[in-house]
Each structure stands twice: as structure tokens, then as C-alpha cells.
Amino acid sequence: MRILLVEDDEMLADGLVRALRHDGYAVDHVARGDLAQAAVEDGRFDAVLLDLGLPGMDGLEVLRALRRRRHPVPVIVISARDRLDDRIHGLDAGADDYLIKPFSVDELRARLRARLRRGVEPARALLSVEDLVIDPDAMTVTRDGEPVRLPRREMALLVELARGAGRVLTRDHLEQALYGWSEEVESNALEVHIHHLRRKLGGDLIKTVRGVGYILAPPEGH
């Protein structure tokens, strides 16, 4: 899952980026409203965490501009504007949720999980390929009924592969799903994660398409 954080308080932004990356999200951060608008249009984000009092362009204007263009990305407003009419204006402008600063990071995590769950079709809440079953919300994986323990980055990679099961996902696509702009990524990091997944799940599910990327597909003959 890829998150865009739009926050001009660098200390708060740094703490949120660290916390969300620890949860396995790929997080990108911008500190200006005008940059946020461009990032959402050009990027592939599953949710936006949006401050309102921003330089360059007010957060409400960013939100209204996105909704005028019918951009569907879920937006959670994070703001110190705590009056009732502020919250009403934010929700009426198209926010999916409104969280008042200061807030608990755990509450933000819970609201983000809830918002992302509502964006998944009920039939797709559990992801399965043959005997592999993934619950993205519970962060659990079983193969042939046996639990498989995965660290968060490998889980995020497996979920992305499973959501695109049967399709070749490019290296660039997968790296964008796993890492934020500012994260330092070693050139072979993706291959290392794929290697670990194959070792834990068996080498028959994740196939390499040379020069393109990877595909999660049933073993041949199934």
C-alpha cells in the first residue's frame, strides 16, 4: 500500500513516515499543497493523509481540486482546525475522514486501516492463489493450511503480487508499491525479497519474467 503524506511540520511528518513505514506502507512525503496536487495526479497512491494549513495551496483547495476531477483516492484530513464547522467543511469538500491534531499514531493507523478496508471489494478481502491464502488486514498467510510468517516488507510484496495475480508486474511497479521516494533502496533489494518469499512459500508460485518483472500464478499443470 502506498501512502502520500502532505504535512509541512517536518518533525511530525518524520515521525509519521517512520511509524507507517514500520507498518509496511510505502510512504511519500510532500510539504506543500501545490506539490501534493501534482503528486496525486502523477503517482499511484492508495490513500492521502492531508494537512490543511499548507504553503503553496491550502489543503481544502487541494481536496476540492481532486474531487472536481473525480479523483477517487481516499483522503484523511489531519489538521489542528478543530471547530465543528472546520470538520464539516473538510468532509463536505470530499474528505473520507477527519482527524484532529494532536492525535495518537495508533488512532491514525486504525483509521487508515479502516479506510483502506472500505476500498477493497468484499470478495477480494481475502486473496488466494491455489492453496495460498492471504489476509491483508490480519497480515496472515497460509499455504496448504499451514501458517507462514512473513516480515512486513515481504508481506507487502506478496499482497501486491496477489492483487495482480495472473499478470506480470514490472520491477518498477513493485518497487513503487514497497518504497517511498526518500527511501534508500539497494539495487538487488527486490530480488532479495522475492528469494525469501520463494524459500518460505515454495519456488513454484512466483515466476520471473526476464527483463520485465514477476508474476504470481498457479504452478504449471494446476
C-alpha atoms as a PDB file:
ATOM      1  CA  MET A   1       0.000   0.000   0.000  1.00  0.00           C
ATOM      2  CA  ARG A   2       1.365   3.408  -0.986  1.00  0.00           C
ATOM      3  CA  ILE A   3       0.513   6.474   1.120  1.00  0.00           C
ATOM      4  CA  LEU A   4       1.051  10.161   0.367  1.00  0.00           C
ATOM      5  CA  LEU A   5       1.626  12.289   3.480  1.00  0.00           C
ATOM      6  CA  VAL A   6       1.059  16.021   2.966  1.00  0.00           C
ATOM      7  CA  GLU A   7       2.371  17.817   6.061  1.00  0.00           C
ATOM      8  CA  ASP A   8       4.520  20.925   6.482  1.00  0.00           C
ATOM      9  CA  ASP A   9       5.529  20.209  10.096  1.00  0.00           C
ATOM     10  CA  GLU A  10       8.781  18.374   9.429  1.00  0.00           C
ATOM     11  CA  MET A  11       9.054  16.853  12.912  1.00  0.00           C
ATOM     12  CA  LEU A  12       5.517  15.455  12.793  1.00  0.00           C
ATOM     13  CA  ALA A  13       5.997  14.282   9.215  1.00  0.00           C
ATOM     14  CA  ASP A  14       9.210  12.464  10.086  1.00  0.00           C
ATOM     15  CA  GLY A  15       7.518  10.629  12.960  1.00  0.00           C
ATOM     16  CA  LEU A  16       4.531   9.616  10.836  1.00  0.00           C
ATOM     17  CA  VAL A  17       6.717   8.439   7.956  1.00  0.00           C
ATOM     18  CA  ARG A  18       8.751   6.270  10.324  1.00  0.00           C
ATOM     19  CA  ALA A  19       5.662   4.798  12.002  1.00  0.00           C
ATOM     20  CA  LEU A  20       3.847   3.995   8.762  1.00  0.00           C
ATOM     21  CA  ARG A  21       6.911   2.528   7.082  1.00  0.00           C
ATOM     22  CA  HIS A  22       7.347   0.322  10.138  1.00  0.00           C
ATOM     23  CA  ASP A  23       3.808  -0.928   9.424  1.00  0.00           C
ATOM     24  CA  GLY A  24       4.851  -1.917   5.914  1.00  0.00           C
ATOM     25  CA  TYR A  25       3.408   1.023   3.980  1.00  0.00           C
ATOM     26  CA  ALA A  26       5.367   2.770   1.251  1.00  0.00           C
ATOM     27  CA  VAL A  27       5.167   6.448   2.270  1.00  0.00           C
ATOM     28  CA  ASP A  28       5.961   9.545   0.231  1.00  0.00           C
ATOM     29  CA  HIS A  29       6.005  12.990   1.816  1.00  0.00           C
ATOM     30  CA  VAL A  30       5.488  16.491   0.432  1.00  0.00           C
ATOM     31  CA  ALA A  31       5.217  19.711   2.465  1.00  0.00           C
ATOM     32  CA  ARG A  32       3.299  21.954   0.025  1.00  0.00           C
ATOM     33  CA  GLY A  33      -0.254  21.842  -1.228  1.00  0.00           C
ATOM     34  CA  ASP A  34       0.654  22.503  -4.863  1.00  0.00           C
ATOM     35  CA  LEU A  35       3.182  19.649  -4.788  1.00  0.00           C
ATOM     36  CA  ALA A  36       0.540  17.373  -3.271  1.00  0.00           C
ATOM     37  CA  GLN A  37      -1.840  18.001  -6.146  1.00  0.00           C
ATOM     38  CA  ALA A  38       0.848  17.163  -8.706  1.00  0.00           C
ATOM     39  CA  ALA A  39       1.956  14.071  -6.775  1.00  0.00           C
ATOM     40  CA  VAL A  40      -1.541  12.607  -6.610  1.00  0.00           C
ATOM     41  CA  GLU A  41      -2.110  13.187 -10.307  1.00  0.00           C
ATOM     42  CA  ASP A  42       1.218  11.620 -11.311  1.00  0.00           C
ATOM     43  CA  GLY A  43       1.535   8.883  -8.691  1.00  0.00           C
ATOM     44  CA  ARG A  44      -0.268   5.732  -7.670  1.00  0.00           C
ATOM     45  CA  PHE A  45      -1.470   6.147  -4.101  1.00  0.00           C
ATOM     46  CA  ASP A  46      -3.909   4.089  -2.070  1.00  0.00           C
ATOM     47  CA  ALA A  47      -4.597   6.936   0.390  1.00  0.00           C
ATOM     48  CA  VAL A  48      -3.612  10.522   1.197  1.00  0.00           C
ATOM     49  CA  LEU A  49      -3.042  11.988   4.666  1.00  0.00           C
ATOM     50  CA  LEU A  50      -3.669  15.704   4.163  1.00  0.00           C
ATOM     51  CA  ASP A  51      -2.913  18.653   6.428  1.00  0.00           C
ATOM     52  CA  LEU A  52      -4.956  21.787   5.719  1.00  0.00           C
ATOM     53  CA  GLY A  53      -2.734  24.746   6.608  1.00  0.00           C
ATOM     54  CA  LEU A  54      -0.159  24.271   3.864  1.00  0.00           C
ATOM     55  CA  PRO A  55       2.130  26.620   1.944  1.00  0.00           C
ATOM     56  CA  GLY A  56       1.607  26.857  -1.793  1.00  0.00           C
ATOM     57  CA  MET A  57      -2.034  25.771  -1.723  1.00  0.00           C
ATOM     58  CA  ASP A  58      -4.437  25.250   1.170  1.00  0.00           C
ATOM     59  CA  GLY A  59      -5.320  21.629   1.872  1.00  0.00           C
ATOM     60  CA  LEU A  60      -9.023  22.250   1.355  1.00  0.00           C
ATOM     61  CA  GLU A  61      -8.306  23.610  -2.117  1.00  0.00           C
ATOM     62  CA  VAL A  62      -6.184  20.550  -2.887  1.00  0.00           C
ATOM     63  CA  LEU A  63      -9.056  18.331  -1.789  1.00  0.00           C
ATOM     64  CA  ARG A  64     -11.682  20.251  -3.760  1.00  0.00           C
ATOM     65  CA  ALA A  65      -9.500  20.185  -6.877  1.00  0.00           C
ATOM     66  CA  LEU A  66      -9.105  16.399  -6.629  1.00  0.00           C
ATOM     67  CA  ARG A  67     -12.827  15.846  -6.195  1.00  0.00           C
ATOM     68  CA  ARG A  68     -13.723  18.217  -9.035  1.00  0.00           C
ATOM     69  CA  ARG A  69     -11.682  15.926 -11.282  1.00  0.00           C
ATOM     70  CA  ARG A  70     -13.426  12.941  -9.676  1.00  0.00           C
ATOM     71  CA  HIS A  71     -10.150  11.548  -8.381  1.00  0.00           C
ATOM     72  CA  PRO A  72     -11.154   8.565  -6.214  1.00  0.00           C
ATOM     73  CA  VAL A  73      -8.152   8.374  -3.850  1.00  0.00           C
ATOM     74  CA  PRO A  74      -9.260   8.189  -0.188  1.00  0.00           C
ATOM     75  CA  VAL A  75      -8.238  11.287   1.797  1.00  0.00           C
ATOM     76  CA  ILE A  76      -7.907  11.517   5.573  1.00  0.00           C
ATOM     77  CA  VAL A  77      -7.561  15.097   6.760  1.00  0.00           C
ATOM     78  CA  ILE A  78      -5.096  15.579   9.647  1.00  0.00           C
ATOM     79  CA  SER A  79      -5.493  19.116  10.969  1.00  0.00           C
ATOM     80  CA  ALA A  80      -5.356  21.332  14.042  1.00  0.00           C
ATOM     81  CA  ARG A  81      -8.518  23.058  12.792  1.00  0.00           C
ATOM     82  CA  ASP A  82     -10.825  21.587  15.412  1.00  0.00           C
ATOM     83  CA  ARG A  83     -14.053  23.598  15.221  1.00  0.00           C
ATOM     84  CA  LEU A  84     -17.206  21.796  14.144  1.00  0.00           C
ATOM     85  CA  ASP A  85     -17.572  23.923  11.012  1.00  0.00           C
ATOM     86  CA  ASP A  86     -13.948  23.148  10.043  1.00  0.00           C
ATOM     87  CA  ARG A  87     -14.711  19.427  10.184  1.00  0.00           C
ATOM     88  CA  ILE A  88     -17.934  19.907   8.245  1.00  0.00           C
ATOM     89  CA  HIS A  89     -16.137  21.928   5.547  1.00  0.00           C
ATOM     90  CA  GLY A  90     -13.459  19.246   5.259  1.00  0.00           C
ATOM     91  CA  LEU A  91     -15.934  16.392   4.917  1.00  0.00           C
ATOM     92  CA  ASP A  92     -18.126  18.371   2.518  1.00  0.00           C
ATOM     93  CA  ALA A  93     -15.055  19.117   0.397  1.00  0.00           C
ATOM     94  CA  GLY A  94     -14.570  15.394  -0.116  1.00  0.00           C
ATOM     95  CA  ALA A  95     -12.544  14.065   2.812  1.00  0.00           C
ATOM     96  CA  ASP A  96     -13.219  10.468   3.781  1.00  0.00           C
ATOM     97  CA  ASP A  97     -12.231  11.091   7.411  1.00  0.00           C
ATOM     98  CA  TYR A  98     -11.080  13.970   9.606  1.00  0.00           C
ATOM     99  CA  LEU A  99      -8.566  13.568  12.431  1.00  0.00           C
ATOM    100  CA  ILE A 100      -7.788  16.470  14.778  1.00  0.00           C
ATOM    101  CA  LYS A 101      -4.241  17.210  15.916  1.00  0.00           C
ATOM    102  CA  PRO A 102      -2.744  16.245  18.251  1.00  0.00           C
ATOM    103  CA  PHE A 103      -3.741  12.641  17.683  1.00  0.00           C
ATOM    104  CA  SER A 104      -2.475   9.219  18.634  1.00  0.00           C
ATOM    105  CA  VAL A 105      -0.455   7.482  15.931  1.00  0.00           C
ATOM    106  CA  ASP A 106      -2.323   4.292  16.842  1.00  0.00           C
ATOM    107  CA  GLU A 107      -5.639   6.015  16.104  1.00  0.00           C
ATOM    108  CA  LEU A 108      -4.318   7.212  12.756  1.00  0.00           C
ATOM    109  CA  ARG A 109      -3.199   3.677  11.969  1.00  0.00           C
ATOM    110  CA  ALA A 110      -6.647   2.319  12.829  1.00  0.00           C
ATOM    111  CA  ARG A 111      -8.472   4.933  10.757  1.00  0.00           C
ATOM    112  CA  LEU A 112      -6.144   4.307   7.828  1.00  0.00           C
ATOM    113  CA  ARG A 113      -6.720   0.549   8.023  1.00  0.00           C
ATOM    114  CA  ALA A 114     -10.484   1.094   8.187  1.00  0.00           C
ATOM    115  CA  ARG A 115     -10.435   3.434   5.191  1.00  0.00           C
ATOM    116  CA  LEU A 116      -8.327   1.039   3.128  1.00  0.00           C
ATOM    117  CA  ARG A 117     -10.607  -1.881   4.027  1.00  0.00           C
ATOM    118  CA  ARG A 118     -13.611   0.014   2.687  1.00  0.00           C
ATOM    119  CA  GLY A 119     -11.743   0.438  -0.590  1.00  0.00           C
ATOM    120  CA  VAL A 120     -11.483  -3.334  -1.098  1.00  0.00           C
ATOM    121  CA  GLU A 121     -14.352  -5.266  -2.612  1.00  0.00           C
ATOM    122  CA  PRO A 122     -15.723  -7.801  -0.084  1.00  0.00           C
ATOM    123  CA  ALA A 123     -14.907 -10.688  -2.413  1.00  0.00           C
ATOM    124  CA  ARG A 124     -11.316  -9.520  -2.590  1.00  0.00           C
ATOM    125  CA  ALA A 125     -10.794  -9.065   1.171  1.00  0.00           C
ATOM    126  CA  LEU A 126      -9.039 -12.443   1.233  1.00  0.00           C
ATOM    127  CA  LEU A 127      -6.570 -13.070  -1.585  1.00  0.00           C
ATOM    128  CA  SER A 128      -5.938 -16.607  -2.765  1.00  0.00           C
ATOM    129  CA  VAL A 129      -3.981 -18.403  -5.462  1.00  0.00           C
ATOM    130  CA  GLU A 130      -4.402 -22.167  -5.359  1.00  0.00           C
ATOM    131  CA  ASP A 131      -3.619 -23.213  -1.766  1.00  0.00           C
ATOM    132  CA  LEU A 132      -2.092 -19.847  -0.841  1.00  0.00           C
ATOM    133  CA  VAL A 133      -4.457 -17.646   1.219  1.00  0.00           C
ATOM    134  CA  ILE A 134      -3.584 -14.101   2.306  1.00  0.00           C
ATOM    135  CA  ASP A 135      -5.486 -11.881   4.717  1.00  0.00           C
ATOM    136  CA  PRO A 136      -4.075  -8.355   4.162  1.00  0.00           C
ATOM    137  CA  ASP A 137      -5.904  -6.915   7.179  1.00  0.00           C
ATOM    138  CA  ALA A 138      -4.740  -9.536   9.655  1.00  0.00           C
ATOM    139  CA  MET A 139      -1.321  -9.737   7.961  1.00  0.00           C
ATOM    140  CA  THR A 140      -1.514 -13.528   7.835  1.00  0.00           C
ATOM    141  CA  VAL A 141      -0.574 -16.064   5.164  1.00  0.00           C
ATOM    142  CA  THR A 142      -1.250 -19.774   4.903  1.00  0.00           C
ATOM    143  CA  ARG A 143      -0.188 -22.271   2.279  1.00  0.00           C
ATOM    144  CA  ASP A 144      -1.968 -25.620   2.202  1.00  0.00           C
ATOM    145  CA  GLY A 145      -3.469 -24.636   5.560  1.00  0.00           C
ATOM    146  CA  GLU A 146      -0.096 -24.089   7.209  1.00  0.00           C
ATOM    147  CA  PRO A 147       0.731 -20.603   8.543  1.00  0.00           C
ATOM    148  CA  VAL A 148       3.703 -18.797   7.015  1.00  0.00           C
ATOM    149  CA  ARG A 149       5.303 -15.968   8.984  1.00  0.00           C
ATOM    150  CA  LEU A 150       6.496 -13.034   6.900  1.00  0.00           C
ATOM    151  CA  PRO A 151       8.066  -9.699   7.885  1.00  0.00           C
ATOM    152  CA  ARG A 152       6.107  -6.632   6.841  1.00  0.00           C
ATOM    153  CA  ARG A 153       8.042  -5.812   3.673  1.00  0.00           C
ATOM    154  CA  GLU A 154       7.703  -9.358   2.339  1.00  0.00           C
ATOM    155  CA  MET A 155       4.012  -9.336   3.271  1.00  0.00           C
ATOM    156  CA  ALA A 156       3.514  -6.062   1.383  1.00  0.00           C
ATOM    157  CA  LEU A 157       5.239  -7.533  -1.672  1.00  0.00           C
ATOM    158  CA  LEU A 158       3.172 -10.707  -1.539  1.00  0.00           C
ATOM    159  CA  VAL A 159      -0.078  -8.746  -1.216  1.00  0.00           C
ATOM    160  CA  GLU A 160       0.848  -6.632  -4.252  1.00  0.00           C
ATOM    161  CA  LEU A 161       1.661  -9.757  -6.272  1.00  0.00           C
ATOM    162  CA  ALA A 162      -1.576 -11.425  -5.170  1.00  0.00           C
ATOM    163  CA  ARG A 163      -3.696  -8.411  -6.101  1.00  0.00           C
ATOM    164  CA  GLY A 164      -2.204  -8.649  -9.578  1.00  0.00           C
ATOM    165  CA  ALA A 165      -2.269 -12.456  -9.684  1.00  0.00           C
ATOM    166  CA  GLY A 166      -2.032 -13.792 -13.217  1.00  0.00           C
ATOM    167  CA  ARG A 167      -0.499 -10.559 -14.522  1.00  0.00           C
ATOM    168  CA  VAL A 168       3.152  -9.684 -14.914  1.00  0.00           C
ATOM    169  CA  LEU A 169       4.031  -6.845 -12.540  1.00  0.00           C
ATOM    170  CA  THR A 170       7.062  -4.849 -13.535  1.00  0.00           C
ATOM    171  CA  ARG A 171      10.023  -4.279 -11.268  1.00  0.00           C
ATOM    172  CA  ASP A 172       9.226  -0.548 -11.231  1.00  0.00           C
ATOM    173  CA  HIS A 173       5.607  -1.217 -10.210  1.00  0.00           C
ATOM    174  CA  LEU A 174       6.664  -3.436  -7.317  1.00  0.00           C
ATOM    175  CA  GLU A 175       9.363  -1.083  -6.097  1.00  0.00           C
ATOM    176  CA  GLN A 176       6.879   1.813  -6.111  1.00  0.00           C
ATOM    177  CA  ALA A 177       4.489  -0.300  -4.023  1.00  0.00           C
ATOM    178  CA  LEU A 178       7.211  -1.109  -1.483  1.00  0.00           C
ATOM    179  CA  TYR A 179       9.300   2.030  -1.119  1.00  0.00           C
ATOM    180  CA  GLY A 180       8.779   5.766  -0.721  1.00  0.00           C
ATOM    181  CA  TRP A 181      10.651   8.384  -2.727  1.00  0.00           C
ATOM    182  CA  SER A 182      13.144   9.167   0.017  1.00  0.00           C
ATOM    183  CA  GLU A 183      13.970   5.595   1.000  1.00  0.00           C
ATOM    184  CA  GLU A 184      17.376   4.311   0.012  1.00  0.00           C
ATOM    185  CA  VAL A 185      16.888   1.074  -1.892  1.00  0.00           C
ATOM    186  CA  GLU A 186      19.707  -1.282  -2.778  1.00  0.00           C
ATOM    187  CA  SER A 187      19.696  -2.374  -6.421  1.00  0.00           C
ATOM    188  CA  ASN A 188      19.007  -6.021  -5.553  1.00  0.00           C
ATOM    189  CA  ALA A 189      16.515  -5.406  -2.711  1.00  0.00           C
ATOM    190  CA  LEU A 190      13.507  -6.616  -4.695  1.00  0.00           C
ATOM    191  CA  GLU A 191      15.300  -9.781  -5.786  1.00  0.00           C
ATOM    192  CA  VAL A 192      16.247 -10.484  -2.155  1.00  0.00           C
ATOM    193  CA  HIS A 193      12.596 -10.186  -1.055  1.00  0.00           C
ATOM    194  CA  ILE A 194      11.476 -12.456  -3.906  1.00  0.00           C
ATOM    195  CA  HIS A 195      14.135 -15.002  -2.936  1.00  0.00           C
ATOM    196  CA  HIS A 196      12.922 -15.013   0.673  1.00  0.00           C
ATOM    197  CA  LEU A 197       9.290 -15.425  -0.391  1.00  0.00           C
ATOM    198  CA  ARG A 198      10.163 -18.363  -2.626  1.00  0.00           C
ATOM    199  CA  ARG A 199      12.123 -20.001   0.182  1.00  0.00           C
ATOM    200  CA  LYS A 200       9.189 -19.677   2.589  1.00  0.00           C
ATOM    201  CA  LEU A 201       6.310 -20.363   0.179  1.00  0.00           C
ATOM    202  CA  GLY A 202       7.979 -22.747  -2.266  1.00  0.00           C
ATOM    203  CA  GLY A 203       9.510 -21.828  -5.584  1.00  0.00           C
ATOM    204  CA  ASP A 204       6.534 -22.712  -7.759  1.00  0.00           C
ATOM    205  CA  LEU A 205       4.233 -19.704  -7.269  1.00  0.00           C
ATOM    206  CA  ILE A 206       6.323 -16.620  -8.059  1.00  0.00           C
ATOM    207  CA  LYS A 207       7.751 -16.713 -11.556  1.00  0.00           C
ATOM    208  CA  THR A 208      10.324 -14.416 -13.107  1.00  0.00           C
ATOM    209  CA  VAL A 209       9.615 -12.868 -16.492  1.00  0.00           C
ATOM    210  CA  ARG A 210      13.105 -11.925 -17.580  1.00  0.00           C
ATOM    211  CA  GLY A 211      13.604  -8.275 -18.364  1.00  0.00           C
ATOM    212  CA  VAL A 212      10.086  -7.404 -17.210  1.00  0.00           C
ATOM    213  CA  GLY A 213       9.195  -8.428 -13.663  1.00  0.00           C
ATOM    214  CA  TYR A 214       7.376 -11.102 -11.717  1.00  0.00           C
ATOM    215  CA  ILE A 215       4.027 -12.921 -11.751  1.00  0.00           C
ATOM    216  CA  LEU A 216       2.158 -14.814  -9.036  1.00  0.00           C
ATOM    217  CA  ALA A 217       0.445 -17.701 -10.758  1.00  0.00           C
ATOM    218  CA  PRO A 218      -0.580 -21.316 -10.032  1.00  0.00           C
ATOM    219  CA  PRO A 219       2.082 -23.961 -10.614  1.00  0.00           C
ATOM    220  CA  GLU A 220       2.127 -25.376 -14.149  1.00  0.00           C
ATOM    221  CA  GLY A 221      -0.230 -28.286 -14.570  1.00  0.00           C
ATOM    222  CA  HIS A 222      -2.726 -26.987 -11.980  1.00  0.00           C
END
